């Protein structure tokens, strides 16, 4: 996914720590290094569904100081597919 073309096109920077800093330390360093208007963190258990960004961007656009979180959905661990409905930001 992160081919040289993708890295350049989307101005991706990958940060790596010499030693383990934990989840919060890694997110803090990533947030500190971010230069975009919106920062999104996907943890290892997140599987964004098609169109996930639409409600997310709309809600942020209504109030730039807003923190948007996804609805927690039920994922089938065998197929990584969402079971039931959901997937909207609130």
C-alpha atoms as a PDB file:
ATOM      1  CA  UNK A   1       0.000   0.000   0.000  1.00  0.00           C
ATOM      2  CA  UNK A   2       2.701   2.492   0.917  1.00  0.00           C
ATOM      3  CA  UNK A   3       4.599   2.421  -2.336  1.00  0.00           C
ATOM      4  CA  UNK A   4       7.024   5.265  -3.099  1.00  0.00           C
ATOM      5  CA  UNK A   5       4.346   6.791  -5.379  1.00  0.00           C
ATOM      6  CA  UNK A   6       1.736   6.792  -2.589  1.00  0.00           C
ATOM      7  CA  UNK A   7       4.199   8.217  -0.073  1.00  0.00           C
ATOM      8  CA  UNK A   8       5.028  11.084  -2.417  1.00  0.00           C
ATOM      9  CA  UNK A   9       1.490  11.761  -3.668  1.00  0.00           C
ATOM     10  CA  UNK A  10       0.013  12.002  -0.164  1.00  0.00           C
ATOM     11  CA  UNK A  11       3.133  13.410   1.510  1.00  0.00           C
ATOM     12  CA  UNK A  12       3.306  10.503   3.957  1.00  0.00           C
ATOM     13  CA  UNK A  13       5.977  10.481   6.628  1.00  0.00           C
ATOM     14  CA  UNK A  14       6.652   7.292   8.558  1.00  0.00           C
ATOM     15  CA  UNK A  15       8.023   7.711  12.066  1.00  0.00           C
ATOM     16  CA  UNK A  16       9.812   4.829  13.734  1.00  0.00           C
ATOM     17  CA  UNK A  17      11.072   4.751  17.295  1.00  0.00           C
ATOM     18  CA  UNK A  18      14.375   3.166  18.240  1.00  0.00           C
ATOM     19  CA  UNK A  19      12.680   1.760  21.349  1.00  0.00           C
ATOM     20  CA  UNK A  20       9.076   0.893  22.171  1.00  0.00           C
ATOM     21  CA  UNK A  21       7.146   3.949  23.394  1.00  0.00           C
ATOM     22  CA  UNK A  22       3.682   2.377  23.650  1.00  0.00           C
ATOM     23  CA  UNK A  23       0.425   3.256  21.951  1.00  0.00           C
ATOM     24  CA  UNK A  24      -0.085   6.666  23.539  1.00  0.00           C
ATOM     25  CA  UNK A  25       3.560   7.673  23.071  1.00  0.00           C
ATOM     26  CA  UNK A  26       3.391   6.713  19.396  1.00  0.00           C
ATOM     27  CA  UNK A  27       0.120   8.624  18.876  1.00  0.00           C
ATOM     28  CA  UNK A  28       1.500  11.677  20.667  1.00  0.00           C
ATOM     29  CA  UNK A  29       4.632  11.704  18.531  1.00  0.00           C
ATOM     30  CA  UNK A  30       2.532  11.197  15.395  1.00  0.00           C
ATOM     31  CA  UNK A  31       0.222  14.043  16.386  1.00  0.00           C
ATOM     32  CA  UNK A  32       3.169  16.315  17.137  1.00  0.00           C
ATOM     33  CA  UNK A  33       4.684  15.557  13.721  1.00  0.00           C
ATOM     34  CA  UNK A  34       1.419  15.904  11.772  1.00  0.00           C
ATOM     35  CA  UNK A  35       1.084  18.865   9.426  1.00  0.00           C
ATOM     36  CA  UNK A  36      -2.422  18.314   8.032  1.00  0.00           C
ATOM     37  CA  UNK A  37      -5.686  19.904   9.103  1.00  0.00           C
ATOM     38  CA  UNK A  38      -7.227  16.615  10.271  1.00  0.00           C
ATOM     39  CA  UNK A  39      -5.458  13.791  12.108  1.00  0.00           C
ATOM     40  CA  UNK A  40      -6.905  10.265  12.062  1.00  0.00           C
ATOM     41  CA  UNK A  41      -5.538   7.329  14.053  1.00  0.00           C
ATOM     42  CA  UNK A  42      -6.596   3.802  13.090  1.00  0.00           C
ATOM     43  CA  UNK A  43      -5.777   1.182  15.693  1.00  0.00           C
ATOM     44  CA  UNK A  44      -5.082  -2.409  14.690  1.00  0.00           C
ATOM     45  CA  UNK A  45      -8.708  -3.475  15.233  1.00  0.00           C
ATOM     46  CA  UNK A  46     -10.182  -0.813  12.923  1.00  0.00           C
ATOM     47  CA  UNK A  47     -11.473  -1.725   9.458  1.00  0.00           C
ATOM     48  CA  UNK A  48     -12.766   1.450   7.772  1.00  0.00           C
ATOM     49  CA  UNK A  49     -15.768   0.760   5.546  1.00  0.00           C
ATOM     50  CA  UNK A  50     -16.392   2.392   2.168  1.00  0.00           C
ATOM     51  CA  UNK A  51     -17.436   6.010   2.638  1.00  0.00           C
ATOM     52  CA  UNK A  52     -16.267   6.128   6.275  1.00  0.00           C
ATOM     53  CA  UNK A  53     -14.809   9.587   5.765  1.00  0.00           C
ATOM     54  CA  UNK A  54     -18.031  11.288   4.599  1.00  0.00           C
ATOM     55  CA  UNK A  55     -19.747  11.712   7.980  1.00  0.00           C
ATOM     56  CA  UNK A  56     -16.366  12.200   9.602  1.00  0.00           C
ATOM     57  CA  UNK A  57     -15.426  15.181   7.406  1.00  0.00           C
ATOM     58  CA  UNK A  58     -18.962  16.626   7.622  1.00  0.00           C
ATOM     59  CA  UNK A  59     -18.915  16.581  11.440  1.00  0.00           C
ATOM     60  CA  UNK A  60     -15.437  18.121  11.615  1.00  0.00           C
ATOM     61  CA  UNK A  61     -16.521  20.765   9.090  1.00  0.00           C
ATOM     62  CA  UNK A  62     -19.399  21.787  11.374  1.00  0.00           C
ATOM     63  CA  UNK A  63     -17.027  22.432  14.273  1.00  0.00           C
ATOM     64  CA  UNK A  64     -13.260  22.188  13.767  1.00  0.00           C
ATOM     65  CA  UNK A  65     -12.733  21.744  17.525  1.00  0.00           C
ATOM     66  CA  UNK A  66     -14.848  18.612  17.546  1.00  0.00           C
ATOM     67  CA  UNK A  67     -13.485  15.181  18.363  1.00  0.00           C
ATOM     68  CA  UNK A  68     -15.133  12.572  16.153  1.00  0.00           C
ATOM     69  CA  UNK A  69     -15.171   8.892  17.083  1.00  0.00           C
ATOM     70  CA  UNK A  70     -16.534   5.980  15.074  1.00  0.00           C
ATOM     71  CA  UNK A  71     -19.402   3.806  16.176  1.00  0.00           C
ATOM     72  CA  UNK A  72     -17.888   0.552  17.385  1.00  0.00           C
ATOM     73  CA  UNK A  73     -18.999  -2.219  15.057  1.00  0.00           C
ATOM     74  CA  UNK A  74     -18.862  -5.984  15.221  1.00  0.00           C
ATOM     75  CA  UNK A  75     -16.197  -7.382  12.893  1.00  0.00           C
ATOM     76  CA  UNK A  76     -16.006 -11.031  11.903  1.00  0.00           C
ATOM     77  CA  UNK A  77     -12.430 -11.951  12.830  1.00  0.00           C
ATOM     78  CA  UNK A  78     -12.295 -14.628  10.145  1.00  0.00           C
ATOM     79  CA  UNK A  79     -13.263 -12.365   7.234  1.00  0.00           C
ATOM     80  CA  UNK A  80     -12.656  -8.875   8.679  1.00  0.00           C
ATOM     81  CA  UNK A  81     -16.137  -7.951   7.402  1.00  0.00           C
ATOM     82  CA  UNK A  82     -18.540  -5.828   9.400  1.00  0.00           C
ATOM     83  CA  UNK A  83     -21.548  -7.676  10.839  1.00  0.00           C
ATOM     84  CA  UNK A  84     -24.769  -5.717  11.078  1.00  0.00           C
ATOM     85  CA  UNK A  85     -25.072  -2.013  10.415  1.00  0.00           C
ATOM     86  CA  UNK A  86     -23.102   0.945  11.640  1.00  0.00           C
ATOM     87  CA  UNK A  87     -19.797   2.487  10.772  1.00  0.00           C
ATOM     88  CA  UNK A  88     -20.938   6.102  10.965  1.00  0.00           C
ATOM     89  CA  UNK A  89     -19.027   8.735  12.914  1.00  0.00           C
ATOM     90  CA  UNK A  90     -20.754  10.466  15.820  1.00  0.00           C
END
